[in-house]
Structures are given as C-alpha cells and as structure tokens.
Amino acid sequence: VHRKGIIAISFSSDAKTIVSIGADVDHTICVWQSMSGEWHDGDLQTYSRNCSDAVLFASFWDWDIRGCNAVSGGENHINFWGINGTEMTCSKGIFGGIGDIQRFSCGAPVGPKFATGSHSGHLYIWSGRNLEKTIKAHEGEVNAVHSCKVGLVSGSSDGFVTVWSSKLEQMGTYDLSEANVS
C-alpha cells in the first residue's frame, strides 16, 4: 500500500495496532494489526485515502468507546478517524470559530482530550472532533508533542520545551538553546 514511503507512524497503547500514513498523492492511511503484539503476524486491517494536502502526523486516541480511533493532521487540516474492524470513517475537525485552520505538525492524547501543535505556536485542544480551546504555548511553531505520566510535553522552533499537567496547566519551561552540553 505504501509504495512511495511512509510519512508518519504511531502505535496503539497496547502495541498491537499501528496507524501509518503513506507518501502517495492521497496520503493513504493504513491500520495494521498484530494479534500477538510481536509483529511477526502483522496484517493490514484497513486503509483509506486521506487528503492531498501534506500530512505531518498520525496518532491513536481512544476517545470513542465504539472502536479504535486515530487522528491525522498537517497542512490546513485535521482528520478524526473512526476504525471499526475493516471499516474506516473520516470526520474533519470542527473549529467552531475558536481557532484558525493552519498547519498542524504534531498531535498527542492528553487525558480525555487531544492536543495538536500549530504553526502559530498554539496548542489546539480537541474534545472529540470539536476544538475546545487554544493555548498560546510557544513563540515559534509547535513541532513536537508527547504524552507522558504528568500530562504533555511540547517542543517548538523557538528552542523551548514546555511541560503541561494533565489539565493542561503549564508546569515548567526549559530553554534548550542555553542547555549545558558536555
């Protein structure tokens, strides 16, 4: 399926499912499954065309009890994927006048919410596929987010890393451009 390469990949929390984004014109999204979690038995479960705009990330997010779910995003879009067996459905993010459609370069779950990093330096916080709020996180583009025990870590082209609580309260900011390297 991904004959032109892979742009993004993410494991589910149980490591038995992978979502991948292809480098083809439609940025095909695939869901792979390994019943054992060892991946010697990995198999393509389902796939779908994504969009022609650049796709920069894919991530799993267990926000819906009806099935496995994923989020993908990139240049001027964010898509929420419902995955149920061999069926996949795509729903576009609803901005509701809260934030601007722009480049979303990364995303990760944080508690029951999903956070995406934006070109403007904001974290966009999603509840389901609805934008709930934006948080000014950095002076540069938010290029990296990662879920962790405390909540979320964000990194930016401004050289700073910020640690956020699970309630998305800023816990600390670190200037890596001034870090002591030995």
C-alpha atoms as a PDB file:
ATOM      1  CA  VAL A   1       0.000   0.000   0.000  1.00  0.00           C
ATOM      2  CA  HIS A   2       2.781   2.489   0.931  1.00  0.00           C
ATOM      3  CA  ARG A   3       4.815   2.059  -2.250  1.00  0.00           C
ATOM      4  CA  LYS A   4       6.200   5.626  -2.145  1.00  0.00           C
ATOM      5  CA  GLY A   5       7.249   5.625   1.501  1.00  0.00           C
ATOM      6  CA  ILE A   6       5.843   6.334   4.946  1.00  0.00           C
ATOM      7  CA  ILE A   7       5.394   9.850   6.357  1.00  0.00           C
ATOM      8  CA  ALA A   8       4.103   9.059   9.853  1.00  0.00           C
ATOM      9  CA  ILE A   9       3.533   6.064  12.097  1.00  0.00           C
ATOM     10  CA  SER A  10       2.073   5.507  15.566  1.00  0.00           C
ATOM     11  CA  PHE A  11       1.494   2.514  17.827  1.00  0.00           C
ATOM     12  CA  SER A  12      -1.671   1.981  19.860  1.00  0.00           C
ATOM     13  CA  SER A  13      -1.284   1.921  23.651  1.00  0.00           C
ATOM     14  CA  ASP A  14      -1.309  -1.906  23.679  1.00  0.00           C
ATOM     15  CA  ALA A  15       1.268  -2.045  20.817  1.00  0.00           C
ATOM     16  CA  LYS A  16      -0.978  -4.389  18.815  1.00  0.00           C
ATOM     17  CA  THR A  17      -2.094  -1.832  16.235  1.00  0.00           C
ATOM     18  CA  ILE A  18      -0.202   0.622  14.036  1.00  0.00           C
ATOM     19  CA  VAL A  19      -1.542   3.553  12.048  1.00  0.00           C
ATOM     20  CA  SER A  20       0.647   4.698   9.147  1.00  0.00           C
ATOM     21  CA  ILE A  21       0.459   7.487   6.570  1.00  0.00           C
ATOM     22  CA  GLY A  22       1.815   6.947   3.062  1.00  0.00           C
ATOM     23  CA  ALA A  23       3.804   9.382   0.902  1.00  0.00           C
ATOM     24  CA  ASP A  24       1.442   8.820  -2.052  1.00  0.00           C
ATOM     25  CA  VAL A  25      -0.650  11.676  -3.513  1.00  0.00           C
ATOM     26  CA  ASP A  26      -3.663  10.801  -1.322  1.00  0.00           C
ATOM     27  CA  HIS A  27      -1.553  10.211   1.823  1.00  0.00           C
ATOM     28  CA  THR A  28      -3.236   6.847   2.332  1.00  0.00           C
ATOM     29  CA  ILE A  29      -3.855   5.991   5.979  1.00  0.00           C
ATOM     30  CA  CYS A  30      -3.455   2.327   6.930  1.00  0.00           C
ATOM     31  CA  VAL A  31      -4.240   0.388  10.069  1.00  0.00           C
ATOM     32  CA  TRP A  32      -2.112  -2.683  10.746  1.00  0.00           C
ATOM     33  CA  GLN A  33      -2.764  -5.248  13.448  1.00  0.00           C
ATOM     34  CA  SER A  34      -0.767  -7.916  15.255  1.00  0.00           C
ATOM     35  CA  MET A  35      -2.813 -10.233  17.432  1.00  0.00           C
ATOM     36  CA  SER A  36       0.288 -11.210  19.426  1.00  0.00           C
ATOM     37  CA  GLY A  37       1.847  -7.744  19.602  1.00  0.00           C
ATOM     38  CA  GLU A  38       5.122  -9.328  18.443  1.00  0.00           C
ATOM     39  CA  TRP A  39       4.509  -8.219  14.808  1.00  0.00           C
ATOM     40  CA  HIS A  40       5.605 -11.495  13.152  1.00  0.00           C
ATOM     41  CA  ASP A  41       1.860 -11.909  12.489  1.00  0.00           C
ATOM     42  CA  GLY A  42       1.187  -8.289  11.431  1.00  0.00           C
ATOM     43  CA  ASP A  43      -1.513  -7.784   8.817  1.00  0.00           C
ATOM     44  CA  LEU A  44      -3.237  -4.881   7.070  1.00  0.00           C
ATOM     45  CA  GLN A  45      -6.631  -4.378   8.756  1.00  0.00           C
ATOM     46  CA  THR A  46      -7.990  -1.463   6.684  1.00  0.00           C
ATOM     47  CA  TYR A  47      -6.960   1.612   4.708  1.00  0.00           C
ATOM     48  CA  SER A  48      -8.441   4.765   3.236  1.00  0.00           C
ATOM     49  CA  ARG A  49      -7.490   7.766   1.138  1.00  0.00           C
ATOM     50  CA  ASN A  50      -6.648  10.674   3.405  1.00  0.00           C
ATOM     51  CA  CYS A  51      -6.234  14.011   1.582  1.00  0.00           C
ATOM     52  CA  SER A  52      -3.978  15.658  -0.974  1.00  0.00           C
ATOM     53  CA  ASP A  53      -2.673  18.303   1.483  1.00  0.00           C
ATOM     54  CA  ALA A  54       0.584  17.468   3.248  1.00  0.00           C
ATOM     55  CA  VAL A  55       0.025  15.122   6.204  1.00  0.00           C
ATOM     56  CA  LEU A  56       2.557  15.556   9.024  1.00  0.00           C
ATOM     57  CA  PHE A  57       1.392  13.270  11.836  1.00  0.00           C
ATOM     58  CA  ALA A  58      -0.848  10.396  12.851  1.00  0.00           C
ATOM     59  CA  SER A  59      -1.675   9.258  16.362  1.00  0.00           C
ATOM     60  CA  PHE A  60      -4.036   6.898  18.126  1.00  0.00           C
ATOM     61  CA  TRP A  61      -6.607   8.356  20.505  1.00  0.00           C
ATOM     62  CA  ASP A  62      -9.104   6.238  22.429  1.00  0.00           C
ATOM     63  CA  TRP A  63     -11.791   8.919  22.753  1.00  0.00           C
ATOM     64  CA  ASP A  64     -14.708   6.876  21.460  1.00  0.00           C
ATOM     65  CA  ILE A  65     -15.863   3.631  23.074  1.00  0.00           C
ATOM     66  CA  ARG A  66     -17.286   2.355  19.762  1.00  0.00           C
ATOM     67  CA  GLY A  67     -13.897   1.364  18.383  1.00  0.00           C
ATOM     68  CA  CYS A  68     -10.270   2.163  17.792  1.00  0.00           C
ATOM     69  CA  ASN A  69      -9.642   5.764  16.743  1.00  0.00           C
ATOM     70  CA  ALA A  70      -6.873   7.824  15.238  1.00  0.00           C
ATOM     71  CA  VAL A  71      -6.126  11.431  14.373  1.00  0.00           C
ATOM     72  CA  SER A  72      -4.104  12.717  11.428  1.00  0.00           C
ATOM     73  CA  GLY A  73      -3.199  16.277  10.567  1.00  0.00           C
ATOM     74  CA  GLY A  74      -0.984  18.517   8.528  1.00  0.00           C
ATOM     75  CA  GLU A  75      -1.197  21.456   6.164  1.00  0.00           C
ATOM     76  CA  ASN A  76      -4.566  23.182   6.777  1.00  0.00           C
ATOM     77  CA  HIS A  77      -6.407  20.120   8.104  1.00  0.00           C
ATOM     78  CA  ILE A  78      -7.075  17.759  10.965  1.00  0.00           C
ATOM     79  CA  ASN A  79      -8.971  14.489  10.469  1.00  0.00           C
ATOM     80  CA  PHE A  80     -10.520  12.248  13.105  1.00  0.00           C
ATOM     81  CA  TRP A  81     -10.753   8.566  12.120  1.00  0.00           C
ATOM     82  CA  GLY A  82     -13.201   6.003  13.421  1.00  0.00           C
ATOM     83  CA  ILE A  83     -11.846   2.495  12.957  1.00  0.00           C
ATOM     84  CA  ASN A  84     -14.140  -0.469  13.397  1.00  0.00           C
ATOM     85  CA  GLY A  85     -12.768  -3.745  12.046  1.00  0.00           C
ATOM     86  CA  THR A  86     -12.229  -3.270   8.310  1.00  0.00           C
ATOM     87  CA  GLU A  87     -14.238  -0.040   8.158  1.00  0.00           C
ATOM     88  CA  MET A  88     -12.774   3.446   8.467  1.00  0.00           C
ATOM     89  CA  THR A  89     -14.653   6.731   8.603  1.00  0.00           C
ATOM     90  CA  CYS A  90     -13.144  10.203   8.416  1.00  0.00           C
ATOM     91  CA  SER A  91     -14.556  13.315  10.073  1.00  0.00           C
ATOM     92  CA  LYS A  92     -12.932  16.714   9.713  1.00  0.00           C
ATOM     93  CA  GLY A  93     -12.159  18.757  12.816  1.00  0.00           C
ATOM     94  CA  ILE A  94     -14.781  21.373  13.739  1.00  0.00           C
ATOM     95  CA  PHE A  95     -13.132  24.693  14.606  1.00  0.00           C
ATOM     96  CA  GLY A  96     -16.327  26.489  15.675  1.00  0.00           C
ATOM     97  CA  GLY A  97     -14.758  29.960  15.340  1.00  0.00           C
ATOM     98  CA  ILE A  98     -12.326  29.203  18.195  1.00  0.00           C
ATOM     99  CA  GLY A  99      -9.094  28.863  16.226  1.00  0.00           C
ATOM    100  CA  ASP A 100      -7.686  29.243  12.742  1.00  0.00           C
ATOM    101  CA  ILE A 101      -7.241  26.466  10.214  1.00  0.00           C
ATOM    102  CA  GLN A 102      -3.475  26.227   9.715  1.00  0.00           C
ATOM    103  CA  ARG A 103      -0.604  23.735   9.700  1.00  0.00           C
ATOM    104  CA  PHE A 104      -0.795  21.154  12.479  1.00  0.00           C
ATOM    105  CA  SER A 105       2.571  19.444  12.684  1.00  0.00           C
ATOM    106  CA  CYS A 106       2.024  17.089  15.625  1.00  0.00           C
ATOM    107  CA  GLY A 107      -0.573  15.677  17.974  1.00  0.00           C
ATOM    108  CA  ALA A 108      -0.958  13.520  21.062  1.00  0.00           C
ATOM    109  CA  PRO A 109      -3.656  12.496  23.547  1.00  0.00           C
ATOM    110  CA  VAL A 110      -3.660  14.157  26.957  1.00  0.00           C
ATOM    111  CA  GLY A 111      -6.206  12.558  29.269  1.00  0.00           C
ATOM    112  CA  PRO A 112      -9.608  12.587  27.553  1.00  0.00           C
ATOM    113  CA  LYS A 113      -8.519  15.404  25.207  1.00  0.00           C
ATOM    114  CA  PHE A 114      -6.270  15.556  22.158  1.00  0.00           C
ATOM    115  CA  ALA A 115      -3.652  18.292  21.678  1.00  0.00           C
ATOM    116  CA  THR A 116      -2.280  19.416  18.320  1.00  0.00           C
ATOM    117  CA  GLY A 117       0.710  21.668  17.803  1.00  0.00           C
ATOM    118  CA  SER A 118       0.145  24.571  15.413  1.00  0.00           C
ATOM    119  CA  HIS A 119       2.156  26.843  13.148  1.00  0.00           C
ATOM    120  CA  SER A 120       1.113  29.861  15.260  1.00  0.00           C
ATOM    121  CA  GLY A 121       2.674  28.432  18.445  1.00  0.00           C
ATOM    122  CA  HIS A 122      -0.656  27.426  19.981  1.00  0.00           C
ATOM    123  CA  LEU A 123      -1.778  24.088  21.317  1.00  0.00           C
ATOM    124  CA  TYR A 124      -5.237  23.288  19.948  1.00  0.00           C
ATOM    125  CA  ILE A 125      -7.214  21.222  22.450  1.00  0.00           C
ATOM    126  CA  TRP A 126      -9.861  18.911  20.998  1.00  0.00           C
ATOM    127  CA  SER A 127     -12.805  17.230  22.682  1.00  0.00           C
ATOM    128  CA  GLY A 128     -13.955  14.623  20.205  1.00  0.00           C
ATOM    129  CA  ARG A 129     -13.572  16.338  16.843  1.00  0.00           C
ATOM    130  CA  ASN A 130     -14.601  19.719  18.264  1.00  0.00           C
ATOM    131  CA  LEU A 131     -11.990  22.364  19.050  1.00  0.00           C
ATOM    132  CA  GLU A 132     -12.474  23.231  22.714  1.00  0.00           C
ATOM    133  CA  LYS A 133      -9.786  25.891  23.192  1.00  0.00           C
ATOM    134  CA  THR A 134      -6.390  27.148  22.131  1.00  0.00           C
ATOM    135  CA  ILE A 135      -3.441  27.805  24.427  1.00  0.00           C
ATOM    136  CA  LYS A 136      -0.525  30.064  23.465  1.00  0.00           C
ATOM    137  CA  ALA A 137       2.295  27.633  24.187  1.00  0.00           C
ATOM    138  CA  HIS A 138       5.339  28.921  22.308  1.00  0.00           C
ATOM    139  CA  GLU A 139       6.649  31.864  20.286  1.00  0.00           C
ATOM    140  CA  GLY A 140       7.502  29.560  17.360  1.00  0.00           C
ATOM    141  CA  GLU A 141       5.704  26.681  15.660  1.00  0.00           C
ATOM    142  CA  VAL A 142       4.889  23.755  17.963  1.00  0.00           C
ATOM    143  CA  ASN A 143       6.787  20.958  16.190  1.00  0.00           C
ATOM    144  CA  ALA A 144       6.568  18.202  18.811  1.00  0.00           C
ATOM    145  CA  VAL A 145       4.129  16.990  21.470  1.00  0.00           C
ATOM    146  CA  HIS A 146       4.360  13.852  23.566  1.00  0.00           C
ATOM    147  CA  SER A 147       2.010  12.323  26.129  1.00  0.00           C
ATOM    148  CA  CYS A 148       3.594  11.385  29.438  1.00  0.00           C
ATOM    149  CA  LYS A 149       2.589  10.468  33.006  1.00  0.00           C
ATOM    150  CA  VAL A 150       2.312  14.105  34.097  1.00  0.00           C
ATOM    151  CA  GLY A 151       0.357  15.181  31.005  1.00  0.00           C
ATOM    152  CA  LEU A 152       2.049  16.569  27.907  1.00  0.00           C
ATOM    153  CA  VAL A 153       5.419  17.895  26.745  1.00  0.00           C
ATOM    154  CA  SER A 154       5.624  20.361  23.845  1.00  0.00           C
ATOM    155  CA  GLY A 155       8.641  21.478  21.829  1.00  0.00           C
ATOM    156  CA  SER A 156       8.966  24.386  19.440  1.00  0.00           C
ATOM    157  CA  SER A 157      11.118  26.018  16.820  1.00  0.00           C
ATOM    158  CA  ASP A 158      11.699  28.745  19.469  1.00  0.00           C
ATOM    159  CA  GLY A 159      14.089  26.345  21.249  1.00  0.00           C
ATOM    160  CA  PHE A 160      11.874  25.846  24.300  1.00  0.00           C
ATOM    161  CA  VAL A 161      10.308  22.723  25.774  1.00  0.00           C
ATOM    162  CA  THR A 162       7.239  23.125  27.994  1.00  0.00           C
ATOM    163  CA  VAL A 163       5.792  20.559  30.391  1.00  0.00           C
ATOM    164  CA  TRP A 164       1.998  20.634  30.874  1.00  0.00           C
ATOM    165  CA  SER A 165      -0.133  18.922  33.519  1.00  0.00           C
ATOM    166  CA  SER A 166      -2.938  16.550  32.541  1.00  0.00           C
ATOM    167  CA  LYS A 167      -5.256  19.583  33.000  1.00  0.00           C
ATOM    168  CA  LEU A 168      -3.026  21.490  30.540  1.00  0.00           C
ATOM    169  CA  GLU A 169      -1.617  23.862  33.138  1.00  0.00           C
ATOM    170  CA  GLN A 170       1.958  24.962  32.414  1.00  0.00           C
ATOM    171  CA  MET A 171       4.339  23.272  34.868  1.00  0.00           C
ATOM    172  CA  GLY A 172       7.708  24.368  33.524  1.00  0.00           C
ATOM    173  CA  THR A 173       9.521  25.782  30.507  1.00  0.00           C
ATOM    174  CA  TYR A 174      13.094  24.985  29.551  1.00  0.00           C
ATOM    175  CA  ASP A 175      15.309  26.887  27.104  1.00  0.00           C
ATOM    176  CA  LEU A 176      17.243  24.139  25.325  1.00  0.00           C
ATOM    177  CA  SER A 177      19.239  26.645  23.276  1.00  0.00           C
ATOM    178  CA  GLU A 178      21.012  27.535  26.534  1.00  0.00           C
ATOM    179  CA  ALA A 179      21.352  23.971  27.836  1.00  0.00           C
ATOM    180  CA  ASN A 180      24.814  22.952  29.012  1.00  0.00           C
ATOM    181  CA  VAL A 181      26.174  20.353  26.623  1.00  0.00           C
ATOM    182  CA  SER A 182      29.208  18.403  27.746  1.00  0.00           C
END
